Every structure is written in C-alpha cells, then in structure tokens.
Amino acid sequence: MRLMKRTLDWKFHHRHIICTRCALVQYPCISWVGIAIVHITSSWRNAMPGPIRDAKKFSEYESFNELGKALLDHYPSSKWGMKNRSLGNKLGELDRGTTTWWRNNPDKAKCLAELLEITLEDLGLHEKAGNSDFHFLEFPELPPLDLKRDDGWKIGVEELDPLQDVGSEGFRKETLDDWLGPYPAWIRHPPIGFNWLKVSDDLSRQLLVQKLRASGRYEVVVAETLAAVAIRLKNSKPIIVALEKDEGGDDLAALVERPEDAGILIIASFMFEPREEMNRPGF
C-alpha cells in the first residue's frame, strides 16, 4: 500500500498549531459546555480513583501488582498468560478507562469482579443499552449523551494551514470532513489514503470514537495494535481504527497489506512517527 500520509493533532479550547512532516494543522476551540467541564477538570481527573481503586476490597491490596497476584492465586485455572506485574499493568489500564483487553477476555473480567465483590457494570465493562449512549463514568451525576440525538455540539474542526506546501502529496481535501463531517458527500466520494489523528486526552478520544461509531457511516474498531486487525485491513472498505499501542514494524507490516488508496483513519493518543522502512518500495 502506498501511504498518502497526513497526520493531525486534536485540541480542545486552545488554538494550537503543530508542524509535522506531513501537515501543519490548527484547531479552533470547542464550545459545548459538557466538554468544557471535562477539559477544565482533566488536570485533576487522572488523580481520581478509577473503578478498581474505588472498590472497597481493593484496600486489601497494596497495588495493582498485588491484586494481579491475588487473581493468579485465586483463579489458577484461567489462562492468564502473564505474570502478576503484567497483569497489574492491565489492571491499571482498566482503572484508567482502557477496557479493550478486558472486553476481549470476559472470563477474566468476571474473575476480577468476583474477587473485588463488585459488578461488571461497576468496572465499566457492561453492555450498554444502545451503542449511541455515552456515559461519563467519572461524573455519575451527568446524564448520558445519546450521540444519535444530542448533536448540538461539534467534536472538532481541523484546517490545513494555507502556508503548508503539500507538494506532490496532492491531498484531495484539506480537512477530515470525509470522515468527521456531517454532510453525506461520503456517499459519492468515499475517503481515500492514510490519515492519522492524535487525540491526547483519553476521555475526548473515547467520546470522538463512540460518536463516529454511533453515526454508522464507517466501520469503527478499537484495537491494541494494527497487527491485531491485520486481516480486516486487507478489505478495501473505509475503516476507522482507534489504536491503543504502537507496535512499530508489526503495525507497518499490517498497513502494507492494505489495498492502495483504501481509506483509513487512525485515532490514537500519540503522533504517527514515520520510519525508515516507509522509504522502501511498497509504501
């Protein structure tokens, strides 16, 4: 696959300009009051206890690693495939809201809930009554958003800086409207090429991903790595991937197998880093 590279950054409330190898992008502010509350509190939000630390039984353990050891001891028949420290890292990720591994391992999630004497709902792992509902788990007093109906706000608007020389890249559009825009032009012109969007704030990124999923316009998958969805990437239909980790060469190998110019939007907490391998034939 020849990558028509475009990397963008995502900011709330502040005008921000970032120069990358591929693009110079600036973002205006977001005005929706719900997002404003989340952004203002984001500096102390990470210090708040997550669902694991908030469980009463967690006080019996000194750390996530100790809790991981207890899980291994209490449920030896479960094929954990890791030691207590690695499991402790998974527990820490879950406590911070990253649920992919636990959703993919529901038997292990049930063991955790049983050990802590809480429910899967307490852990944020329950199936909600509709993919369009977005729950602010850290702000239980806020009502959930119905992302198919509550559309009086914007997730974001990006602009390619007019001084940026796109050169031979020849981007067909200067924004991500094909992916994020509200207009149905995508029916006539499905998005093409490779686009990378950095959204550093976890809650903002989760909101964006679920909004895109609720729209139903394109397939949206959440994956720890691109290698984990390598088979799906061979399909030429447009796809949005919410990426949690950077696996370097393995991820690049998965991208090589994607049909040329097939549209893909990757949303991650980190910026895309071009590598030497991308100068080889095939990229």
C-alpha atoms as a PDB file:
ATOM      1  CA  MET A   1       0.000   0.000   0.000  1.00  0.00           C
ATOM      2  CA  ARG A   2       1.338   3.447  -0.890  1.00  0.00           C
ATOM      3  CA  LEU A   3       0.606   5.660   2.112  1.00  0.00           C
ATOM      4  CA  MET A   4      -0.717   9.128   1.307  1.00  0.00           C
ATOM      5  CA  LYS A   5       0.355  10.346   4.722  1.00  0.00           C
ATOM      6  CA  ARG A   6      -1.467  13.022   6.690  1.00  0.00           C
ATOM      7  CA  THR A   7      -1.064  13.458  10.447  1.00  0.00           C
ATOM      8  CA  LEU A   8      -3.176  15.812  12.528  1.00  0.00           C
ATOM      9  CA  ASP A   9      -3.404  16.860  16.162  1.00  0.00           C
ATOM     10  CA  TRP A  10      -6.611  17.396  18.145  1.00  0.00           C
ATOM     11  CA  LYS A  11      -7.034  20.095  20.792  1.00  0.00           C
ATOM     12  CA  PHE A  12      -9.957  21.367  22.836  1.00  0.00           C
ATOM     13  CA  HIS A  13     -10.429  25.049  23.734  1.00  0.00           C
ATOM     14  CA  HIS A  14      -6.990  26.273  22.672  1.00  0.00           C
ATOM     15  CA  ARG A  15      -5.947  27.326  19.191  1.00  0.00           C
ATOM     16  CA  HIS A  16      -2.996  25.095  18.510  1.00  0.00           C
ATOM     17  CA  ILE A  17      -0.562  24.788  15.636  1.00  0.00           C
ATOM     18  CA  ILE A  18       1.619  21.730  15.193  1.00  0.00           C
ATOM     19  CA  CYS A  19       4.115  21.112  12.417  1.00  0.00           C
ATOM     20  CA  THR A  20       4.767  17.535  11.382  1.00  0.00           C
ATOM     21  CA  ARG A  21       6.494  16.011   8.421  1.00  0.00           C
ATOM     22  CA  CYS A  22       3.147  15.700   6.696  1.00  0.00           C
ATOM     23  CA  ALA A  23       0.959  18.671   7.593  1.00  0.00           C
ATOM     24  CA  LEU A  24       0.578  21.894   9.537  1.00  0.00           C
ATOM     25  CA  VAL A  25      -2.781  21.911  11.260  1.00  0.00           C
ATOM     26  CA  GLN A  26      -4.636  24.276  13.549  1.00  0.00           C
ATOM     27  CA  TYR A  27      -7.790  23.691  15.528  1.00  0.00           C
ATOM     28  CA  PRO A  28     -10.305  26.235  16.809  1.00  0.00           C
ATOM     29  CA  CYS A  29     -11.950  25.756  20.162  1.00  0.00           C
ATOM     30  CA  ILE A  30     -14.893  23.560  21.059  1.00  0.00           C
ATOM     31  CA  SER A  31     -17.808  25.366  22.674  1.00  0.00           C
ATOM     32  CA  TRP A  32     -20.046  22.632  24.113  1.00  0.00           C
ATOM     33  CA  VAL A  33     -20.361  23.124  27.876  1.00  0.00           C
ATOM     34  CA  GLY A  34     -20.132  19.401  28.680  1.00  0.00           C
ATOM     35  CA  ILE A  35     -16.739  19.208  27.014  1.00  0.00           C
ATOM     36  CA  ALA A  36     -15.704  22.389  28.802  1.00  0.00           C
ATOM     37  CA  ILE A  37     -16.400  20.755  32.164  1.00  0.00           C
ATOM     38  CA  VAL A  38     -14.380  17.705  31.229  1.00  0.00           C
ATOM     39  CA  HIS A  39     -11.473  19.761  29.911  1.00  0.00           C
ATOM     40  CA  ILE A  40     -11.290  22.060  32.910  1.00  0.00           C
ATOM     41  CA  THR A  41     -11.219  19.131  35.284  1.00  0.00           C
ATOM     42  CA  SER A  42      -8.840  16.999  33.223  1.00  0.00           C
ATOM     43  CA  SER A  43      -5.802  18.132  35.236  1.00  0.00           C
ATOM     44  CA  TRP A  44      -7.152  16.531  38.400  1.00  0.00           C
ATOM     45  CA  ARG A  45      -9.360  13.921  36.761  1.00  0.00           C
ATOM     46  CA  ASN A  46      -6.445  11.483  36.436  1.00  0.00           C
ATOM     47  CA  ALA A  47      -5.876  11.660  40.185  1.00  0.00           C
ATOM     48  CA  MET A  48      -9.393  10.462  40.948  1.00  0.00           C
ATOM     49  CA  PRO A  49      -9.739   6.779  41.826  1.00  0.00           C
ATOM     50  CA  GLY A  50     -10.940   4.596  38.999  1.00  0.00           C
ATOM     51  CA  PRO A  51     -13.436   1.748  39.382  1.00  0.00           C
ATOM     52  CA  ILE A  52     -10.817  -0.674  40.747  1.00  0.00           C
ATOM     53  CA  ARG A  53      -9.310   1.674  43.329  1.00  0.00           C
ATOM     54  CA  ASP A  54     -12.819   2.784  44.247  1.00  0.00           C
ATOM     55  CA  ALA A  55     -13.806  -0.774  45.214  1.00  0.00           C
ATOM     56  CA  LYS A  56     -13.748  -1.387  48.983  1.00  0.00           C
ATOM     57  CA  LYS A  57     -11.953  -4.706  48.569  1.00  0.00           C
ATOM     58  CA  PHE A  58      -9.045  -3.003  46.808  1.00  0.00           C
ATOM     59  CA  SER A  59      -7.892  -1.676  50.193  1.00  0.00           C
ATOM     60  CA  GLU A  60      -6.777  -5.234  50.997  1.00  0.00           C
ATOM     61  CA  TYR A  61      -4.086  -4.971  48.317  1.00  0.00           C
ATOM     62  CA  GLU A  62      -1.150  -2.592  48.254  1.00  0.00           C
ATOM     63  CA  SER A  63      -1.016  -2.151  44.491  1.00  0.00           C
ATOM     64  CA  PHE A  64      -2.300  -3.337  41.128  1.00  0.00           C
ATOM     65  CA  ASN A  65       0.565  -5.841  41.092  1.00  0.00           C
ATOM     66  CA  GLU A  66      -0.624  -7.317  44.398  1.00  0.00           C
ATOM     67  CA  LEU A  67      -4.159  -7.506  43.047  1.00  0.00           C
ATOM     68  CA  GLY A  68      -2.801  -9.213  39.944  1.00  0.00           C
ATOM     69  CA  LYS A  69      -1.012 -11.774  42.124  1.00  0.00           C
ATOM     70  CA  ALA A  70      -4.260 -12.420  44.008  1.00  0.00           C
ATOM     71  CA  LEU A  71      -6.088 -13.053  40.736  1.00  0.00           C
ATOM     72  CA  LEU A  72      -3.437 -15.564  39.669  1.00  0.00           C
ATOM     73  CA  ASP A  73      -3.645 -17.309  43.057  1.00  0.00           C
ATOM     74  CA  HIS A  74      -7.446 -17.388  43.304  1.00  0.00           C
ATOM     75  CA  TYR A  75      -8.137 -18.358  39.691  1.00  0.00           C
ATOM     76  CA  PRO A  76      -5.273 -20.629  38.562  1.00  0.00           C
ATOM     77  CA  SER A  77      -7.492 -22.399  36.024  1.00  0.00           C
ATOM     78  CA  SER A  78      -7.857 -19.197  33.988  1.00  0.00           C
ATOM     79  CA  LYS A  79      -5.194 -18.989  31.305  1.00  0.00           C
ATOM     80  CA  TRP A  80      -3.851 -15.553  32.177  1.00  0.00           C
ATOM     81  CA  GLY A  81      -0.735 -15.893  30.013  1.00  0.00           C
ATOM     82  CA  MET A  82       1.228 -13.366  32.066  1.00  0.00           C
ATOM     83  CA  LYS A  83       2.832 -12.755  35.442  1.00  0.00           C
ATOM     84  CA  ASN A  84       1.473 -10.539  38.184  1.00  0.00           C
ATOM     85  CA  ARG A  85       3.324  -7.397  37.048  1.00  0.00           C
ATOM     86  CA  SER A  86       1.988  -7.583  33.507  1.00  0.00           C
ATOM     87  CA  LEU A  87      -1.469  -8.314  34.874  1.00  0.00           C
ATOM     88  CA  GLY A  88      -1.024  -5.355  37.207  1.00  0.00           C
ATOM     89  CA  ASN A  89      -0.435  -3.160  34.158  1.00  0.00           C
ATOM     90  CA  LYS A  90      -3.685  -4.430  32.629  1.00  0.00           C
ATOM     91  CA  LEU A  91      -5.482  -3.620  35.881  1.00  0.00           C
ATOM     92  CA  GLY A  92      -4.022  -0.114  35.876  1.00  0.00           C
ATOM     93  CA  GLU A  93      -5.172   0.424  32.294  1.00  0.00           C
ATOM     94  CA  LEU A  94      -8.683  -0.713  33.188  1.00  0.00           C
ATOM     95  CA  ASP A  95      -8.723   1.633  36.169  1.00  0.00           C
ATOM     96  CA  ARG A  96      -7.861   4.490  33.791  1.00  0.00           C
ATOM     97  CA  GLY A  97     -10.656   3.534  31.397  1.00  0.00           C
ATOM     98  CA  THR A  98      -8.898   1.354  28.802  1.00  0.00           C
ATOM     99  CA  THR A  99     -11.197  -1.649  28.535  1.00  0.00           C
ATOM    100  CA  THR A 100     -10.203  -3.415  25.297  1.00  0.00           C
ATOM    101  CA  TRP A 101      -8.228  -6.313  26.794  1.00  0.00           C
ATOM    102  CA  TRP A 102     -10.845  -6.979  29.457  1.00  0.00           C
ATOM    103  CA  ARG A 103     -13.730  -6.868  26.976  1.00  0.00           C
ATOM    104  CA  ASN A 104     -11.835  -9.359  24.837  1.00  0.00           C
ATOM    105  CA  ASN A 105     -11.350 -11.586  27.902  1.00  0.00           C
ATOM    106  CA  PRO A 106     -14.772 -11.593  29.605  1.00  0.00           C
ATOM    107  CA  ASP A 107     -13.975 -14.669  31.715  1.00  0.00           C
ATOM    108  CA  LYS A 108     -11.059 -12.843  33.310  1.00  0.00           C
ATOM    109  CA  ALA A 109     -13.174  -9.729  33.809  1.00  0.00           C
ATOM    110  CA  LYS A 110     -15.700 -11.851  35.726  1.00  0.00           C
ATOM    111  CA  CYS A 111     -12.887 -13.182  37.936  1.00  0.00           C
ATOM    112  CA  LEU A 112     -11.830  -9.616  38.742  1.00  0.00           C
ATOM    113  CA  ALA A 113     -15.376  -8.509  39.534  1.00  0.00           C
ATOM    114  CA  GLU A 114     -15.883 -11.553  41.750  1.00  0.00           C
ATOM    115  CA  LEU A 115     -12.632 -11.001  43.646  1.00  0.00           C
ATOM    116  CA  LEU A 116     -13.421  -7.327  44.271  1.00  0.00           C
ATOM    117  CA  GLU A 117     -17.075  -8.153  45.044  1.00  0.00           C
ATOM    118  CA  ILE A 118     -18.370  -5.648  42.508  1.00  0.00           C
ATOM    119  CA  THR A 119     -20.223  -5.930  39.194  1.00  0.00           C
ATOM    120  CA  LEU A 120     -19.040  -5.697  35.613  1.00  0.00           C
ATOM    121  CA  GLU A 121     -21.096  -2.514  35.425  1.00  0.00           C
ATOM    122  CA  ASP A 122     -19.014  -1.074  38.277  1.00  0.00           C
ATOM    123  CA  LEU A 123     -15.908  -1.804  36.200  1.00  0.00           C
ATOM    124  CA  GLY A 124     -17.395  -0.126  33.128  1.00  0.00           C
ATOM    125  CA  LEU A 125     -17.481  -3.445  31.266  1.00  0.00           C
ATOM    126  CA  HIS A 126     -21.216  -3.946  30.990  1.00  0.00           C
ATOM    127  CA  GLU A 127     -23.005  -3.793  27.657  1.00  0.00           C
ATOM    128  CA  LYS A 128     -24.931  -0.565  27.443  1.00  0.00           C
ATOM    129  CA  ALA A 129     -28.480  -0.494  26.117  1.00  0.00           C
ATOM    130  CA  GLY A 130     -27.514   1.022  22.799  1.00  0.00           C
ATOM    131  CA  ASN A 131     -24.287   1.929  21.064  1.00  0.00           C
ATOM    132  CA  SER A 132     -25.274   5.593  20.879  1.00  0.00           C
ATOM    133  CA  ASP A 133     -25.181   6.236  24.645  1.00  0.00           C
ATOM    134  CA  PHE A 134     -22.032   7.820  26.066  1.00  0.00           C
ATOM    135  CA  HIS A 135     -21.725   7.572  29.848  1.00  0.00           C
ATOM    136  CA  PHE A 136     -19.429   9.851  31.847  1.00  0.00           C
ATOM    137  CA  LEU A 137     -18.319   7.166  34.306  1.00  0.00           C
ATOM    138  CA  GLU A 138     -16.228   9.608  36.346  1.00  0.00           C
ATOM    139  CA  PHE A 139     -19.127  12.076  36.591  1.00  0.00           C
ATOM    140  CA  PRO A 140     -22.115   9.881  37.518  1.00  0.00           C
ATOM    141  CA  GLU A 141     -24.372  12.896  38.090  1.00  0.00           C
ATOM    142  CA  LEU A 142     -24.140  13.842  34.416  1.00  0.00           C
ATOM    143  CA  PRO A 143     -26.816  12.190  32.274  1.00  0.00           C
ATOM    144  CA  PRO A 144     -25.511  10.057  29.394  1.00  0.00           C
ATOM    145  CA  LEU A 145     -25.347  11.523  25.923  1.00  0.00           C
ATOM    146  CA  ASP A 146     -27.373   9.976  23.148  1.00  0.00           C
ATOM    147  CA  LEU A 147     -24.908  10.547  20.347  1.00  0.00           C
ATOM    148  CA  LYS A 148     -27.558   9.969  17.689  1.00  0.00           C
ATOM    149  CA  ARG A 149     -29.830  12.683  19.078  1.00  0.00           C
ATOM    150  CA  ASP A 150     -27.732  15.100  21.165  1.00  0.00           C
ATOM    151  CA  ASP A 151     -25.983  16.766  18.270  1.00  0.00           C
ATOM    152  CA  GLY A 152     -25.957  20.403  19.327  1.00  0.00           C
ATOM    153  CA  TRP A 153     -22.173  20.461  19.627  1.00  0.00           C
ATOM    154  CA  LYS A 154     -19.107  19.877  17.485  1.00  0.00           C
ATOM    155  CA  ILE A 155     -16.429  17.318  18.162  1.00  0.00           C
ATOM    156  CA  GLY A 156     -13.810  19.254  16.223  1.00  0.00           C
ATOM    157  CA  VAL A 157     -12.858  21.172  13.113  1.00  0.00           C
ATOM    158  CA  GLU A 158      -9.404  20.976  11.585  1.00  0.00           C
ATOM    159  CA  GLU A 159      -7.787  23.124   8.908  1.00  0.00           C
ATOM    160  CA  LEU A 160      -4.636  22.573   6.907  1.00  0.00           C
ATOM    161  CA  ASP A 161      -2.541  25.706   7.267  1.00  0.00           C
ATOM    162  CA  PRO A 162      -2.601  27.690   3.961  1.00  0.00           C
ATOM    163  CA  LEU A 163       1.174  28.171   4.175  1.00  0.00           C
ATOM    164  CA  GLN A 164       1.768  24.449   4.237  1.00  0.00           C
ATOM    165  CA  ASP A 165       3.198  23.166   0.947  1.00  0.00           C
ATOM    166  CA  VAL A 166       1.536  19.836   0.287  1.00  0.00           C
ATOM    167  CA  GLY A 167       3.836  19.294  -2.687  1.00  0.00           C
ATOM    168  CA  SER A 168       3.412  16.022  -4.524  1.00  0.00           C
ATOM    169  CA  GLU A 169       1.218  14.533  -1.813  1.00  0.00           C
ATOM    170  CA  GLY A 170      -1.798  16.048  -3.586  1.00  0.00           C
ATOM    171  CA  PHE A 171      -4.384  15.684  -0.831  1.00  0.00           C
ATOM    172  CA  ARG A 172      -7.878  15.669  -2.332  1.00  0.00           C
ATOM    173  CA  LYS A 173      -9.286  17.554   0.673  1.00  0.00           C
ATOM    174  CA  GLU A 174      -7.666  19.806   3.267  1.00  0.00           C
ATOM    175  CA  THR A 175      -9.776  18.567   6.174  1.00  0.00           C
ATOM    176  CA  LEU A 176     -11.131  15.317   7.580  1.00  0.00           C
ATOM    177  CA  ASP A 177     -14.685  16.171   6.511  1.00  0.00           C
ATOM    178  CA  ASP A 178     -14.920  12.887   4.632  1.00  0.00           C
ATOM    179  CA  TRP A 179     -14.505  11.145   7.983  1.00  0.00           C
ATOM    180  CA  LEU A 180     -15.877  13.582  10.558  1.00  0.00           C
ATOM    181  CA  GLY A 181     -18.121  15.969   8.627  1.00  0.00           C
ATOM    182  CA  PRO A 182     -21.918  15.950   8.943  1.00  0.00           C
ATOM    183  CA  TYR A 183     -22.618  16.057   5.226  1.00  0.00           C
ATOM    184  CA  PRO A 184     -23.388  12.965   3.124  1.00  0.00           C
ATOM    185  CA  ALA A 185     -20.779  13.690   0.458  1.00  0.00           C
ATOM    186  CA  TRP A 186     -19.099  10.460   1.535  1.00  0.00           C
ATOM    187  CA  ILE A 187     -21.725   8.545  -0.444  1.00  0.00           C
ATOM    188  CA  ARG A 188     -20.271   9.927  -3.681  1.00  0.00           C
ATOM    189  CA  HIS A 189     -16.660  10.256  -2.585  1.00  0.00           C
ATOM    190  CA  PRO A 190     -15.546   7.677  -0.013  1.00  0.00           C
ATOM    191  CA  PRO A 191     -12.366   8.753   1.801  1.00  0.00           C
ATOM    192  CA  ILE A 192      -9.060   7.541   0.431  1.00  0.00           C
ATOM    193  CA  GLY A 193      -5.500   7.334   1.691  1.00  0.00           C
ATOM    194  CA  PHE A 194      -3.926   7.192   5.126  1.00  0.00           C
ATOM    195  CA  ASN A 195      -4.880   9.695   7.839  1.00  0.00           C
ATOM    196  CA  TRP A 196      -3.674   9.823  11.445  1.00  0.00           C
ATOM    197  CA  LEU A 197      -5.411  11.889  14.124  1.00  0.00           C
ATOM    198  CA  LYS A 198      -3.785  12.409  17.524  1.00  0.00           C
ATOM    199  CA  VAL A 199      -6.194  12.974  20.439  1.00  0.00           C
ATOM    200  CA  SER A 200      -4.111  13.032  23.602  1.00  0.00           C
ATOM    201  CA  ASP A 201      -6.922  13.276  26.169  1.00  0.00           C
ATOM    202  CA  ASP A 202      -8.394   9.838  26.918  1.00  0.00           C
ATOM    203  CA  LEU A 203     -11.969  10.974  27.540  1.00  0.00           C
ATOM    204  CA  SER A 204     -12.011  13.238  24.484  1.00  0.00           C
ATOM    205  CA  ARG A 205     -10.742  10.372  22.348  1.00  0.00           C
ATOM    206  CA  GLN A 206     -13.359   7.945  23.717  1.00  0.00           C
ATOM    207  CA  LEU A 207     -16.097  10.488  23.008  1.00  0.00           C
ATOM    208  CA  LEU A 208     -14.905  11.012  19.445  1.00  0.00           C
ATOM    209  CA  VAL A 209     -14.627   7.280  18.721  1.00  0.00           C
ATOM    210  CA  GLN A 210     -18.062   6.490  20.103  1.00  0.00           C
ATOM    211  CA  LYS A 211     -19.582   9.422  18.192  1.00  0.00           C
ATOM    212  CA  LEU A 212     -18.131   8.049  14.957  1.00  0.00           C
ATOM    213  CA  ARG A 213     -19.356   4.565  15.812  1.00  0.00           C
ATOM    214  CA  ALA A 214     -22.858   5.868  16.561  1.00  0.00           C
ATOM    215  CA  SER A 215     -23.013   7.612  13.181  1.00  0.00           C
ATOM    216  CA  GLY A 216     -22.753   4.227  11.466  1.00  0.00           C
ATOM    217  CA  ARG A 217     -21.068   5.736   8.419  1.00  0.00           C
ATOM    218  CA  TYR A 218     -17.944   3.619   8.579  1.00  0.00           C
ATOM    219  CA  GLU A 219     -16.758   0.593  10.479  1.00  0.00           C
ATOM    220  CA  VAL A 220     -15.035   1.617  13.718  1.00  0.00           C
ATOM    221  CA  VAL A 221     -12.800  -0.846  15.540  1.00  0.00           C
ATOM    222  CA  VAL A 222     -10.866  -0.452  18.787  1.00  0.00           C
ATOM    223  CA  ALA A 223      -7.575  -2.345  18.746  1.00  0.00           C
ATOM    224  CA  GLU A 224      -4.466  -2.532  20.886  1.00  0.00           C
ATOM    225  CA  THR A 225      -2.333  -2.736  17.715  1.00  0.00           C
ATOM    226  CA  LEU A 226      -2.800  -2.576  13.955  1.00  0.00           C
ATOM    227  CA  ALA A 227      -1.340  -6.066  13.725  1.00  0.00           C
ATOM    228  CA  ALA A 228      -4.329  -7.302  15.738  1.00  0.00           C
ATOM    229  CA  VAL A 229      -6.693  -6.226  12.935  1.00  0.00           C
ATOM    230  CA  ALA A 230      -4.381  -7.104  10.036  1.00  0.00           C
ATOM    231  CA  ILE A 231      -6.964  -9.355   8.376  1.00  0.00           C
ATOM    232  CA  ARG A 232      -9.584  -6.598   8.450  1.00  0.00           C
ATOM    233  CA  LEU A 233      -7.139  -4.105   6.925  1.00  0.00           C
ATOM    234  CA  LYS A 234      -6.912  -6.236   3.773  1.00  0.00           C
ATOM    235  CA  ASN A 235     -10.503  -5.222   2.978  1.00  0.00           C
ATOM    236  CA  SER A 236     -10.691  -2.114   0.770  1.00  0.00           C
ATOM    237  CA  LYS A 237     -13.705  -0.579   2.530  1.00  0.00           C
ATOM    238  CA  PRO A 238     -13.019   2.599   4.565  1.00  0.00           C
ATOM    239  CA  ILE A 239     -12.257   1.901   8.216  1.00  0.00           C
ATOM    240  CA  ILE A 240     -11.574   3.883  11.389  1.00  0.00           C
ATOM    241  CA  VAL A 241      -9.163   2.303  13.882  1.00  0.00           C
ATOM    242  CA  ALA A 242      -8.916   3.552  17.471  1.00  0.00           C
ATOM    243  CA  LEU A 243      -5.357   2.486  18.248  1.00  0.00           C
ATOM    244  CA  GLU A 244      -4.082   1.989  21.797  1.00  0.00           C
ATOM    245  CA  LYS A 245      -0.435   0.968  21.316  1.00  0.00           C
ATOM    246  CA  ASP A 246       2.418   1.448  18.855  1.00  0.00           C
ATOM    247  CA  GLU A 247       3.959  -1.862  17.791  1.00  0.00           C
ATOM    248  CA  GLY A 248       6.352  -0.448  15.222  1.00  0.00           C
ATOM    249  CA  GLY A 249       7.301  -2.881  12.469  1.00  0.00           C
ATOM    250  CA  ASP A 250       4.390  -5.247  13.047  1.00  0.00           C
ATOM    251  CA  ASP A 251       1.943  -2.390  12.538  1.00  0.00           C
ATOM    252  CA  LEU A 252       3.719  -1.263   9.374  1.00  0.00           C
ATOM    253  CA  ALA A 253       3.528  -4.799   8.005  1.00  0.00           C
ATOM    254  CA  ALA A 254      -0.235  -4.756   8.558  1.00  0.00           C
ATOM    255  CA  LEU A 255      -0.539  -1.456   6.667  1.00  0.00           C
ATOM    256  CA  VAL A 256       1.448  -2.788   3.707  1.00  0.00           C
ATOM    257  CA  GLU A 257      -1.263  -5.377   3.107  1.00  0.00           C
ATOM    258  CA  ARG A 258      -3.974  -2.724   2.793  1.00  0.00           C
ATOM    259  CA  PRO A 259      -5.138  -2.067  -0.809  1.00  0.00           C
ATOM    260  CA  GLU A 260      -3.627   1.049  -2.327  1.00  0.00           C
ATOM    261  CA  ASP A 261      -5.551   4.264  -1.577  1.00  0.00           C
ATOM    262  CA  ALA A 262      -8.096   2.399   0.573  1.00  0.00           C
ATOM    263  CA  GLY A 263      -9.299   4.937   3.127  1.00  0.00           C
ATOM    264  CA  ILE A 264      -8.156   4.516   6.725  1.00  0.00           C
ATOM    265  CA  LEU A 265      -8.344   6.916   9.669  1.00  0.00           C
ATOM    266  CA  ILE A 266      -6.290   6.006  12.732  1.00  0.00           C
ATOM    267  CA  ILE A 267      -7.099   7.754  16.014  1.00  0.00           C
ATOM    268  CA  ALA A 268      -4.502   7.446  18.769  1.00  0.00           C
ATOM    269  CA  SER A 269      -3.113   9.221  21.817  1.00  0.00           C
ATOM    270  CA  PHE A 270       0.299   9.513  20.170  1.00  0.00           C
ATOM    271  CA  MET A 271       1.554  11.033  16.944  1.00  0.00           C
ATOM    272  CA  PHE A 272       2.439   8.968  13.901  1.00  0.00           C
ATOM    273  CA  GLU A 273       6.210   8.580  13.577  1.00  0.00           C
ATOM    274  CA  PRO A 274       7.458   7.974  10.022  1.00  0.00           C
ATOM    275  CA  ARG A 275      10.105   5.261   9.990  1.00  0.00           C
ATOM    276  CA  GLU A 276      12.961   4.387   7.687  1.00  0.00           C
ATOM    277  CA  GLU A 277      11.043   1.335   6.449  1.00  0.00           C
ATOM    278  CA  MET A 278       8.473   3.637   4.831  1.00  0.00           C
ATOM    279  CA  ASN A 279      11.030   4.729   2.248  1.00  0.00           C
ATOM    280  CA  ARG A 280      11.181   1.214   0.835  1.00  0.00           C
ATOM    281  CA  PRO A 281       9.139   0.174  -2.232  1.00  0.00           C
ATOM    282  CA  GLY A 282       5.577  -0.650  -1.269  1.00  0.00           C
ATOM    283  CA  PHE A 283       4.989   2.387   0.930  1.00  0.00           C
END
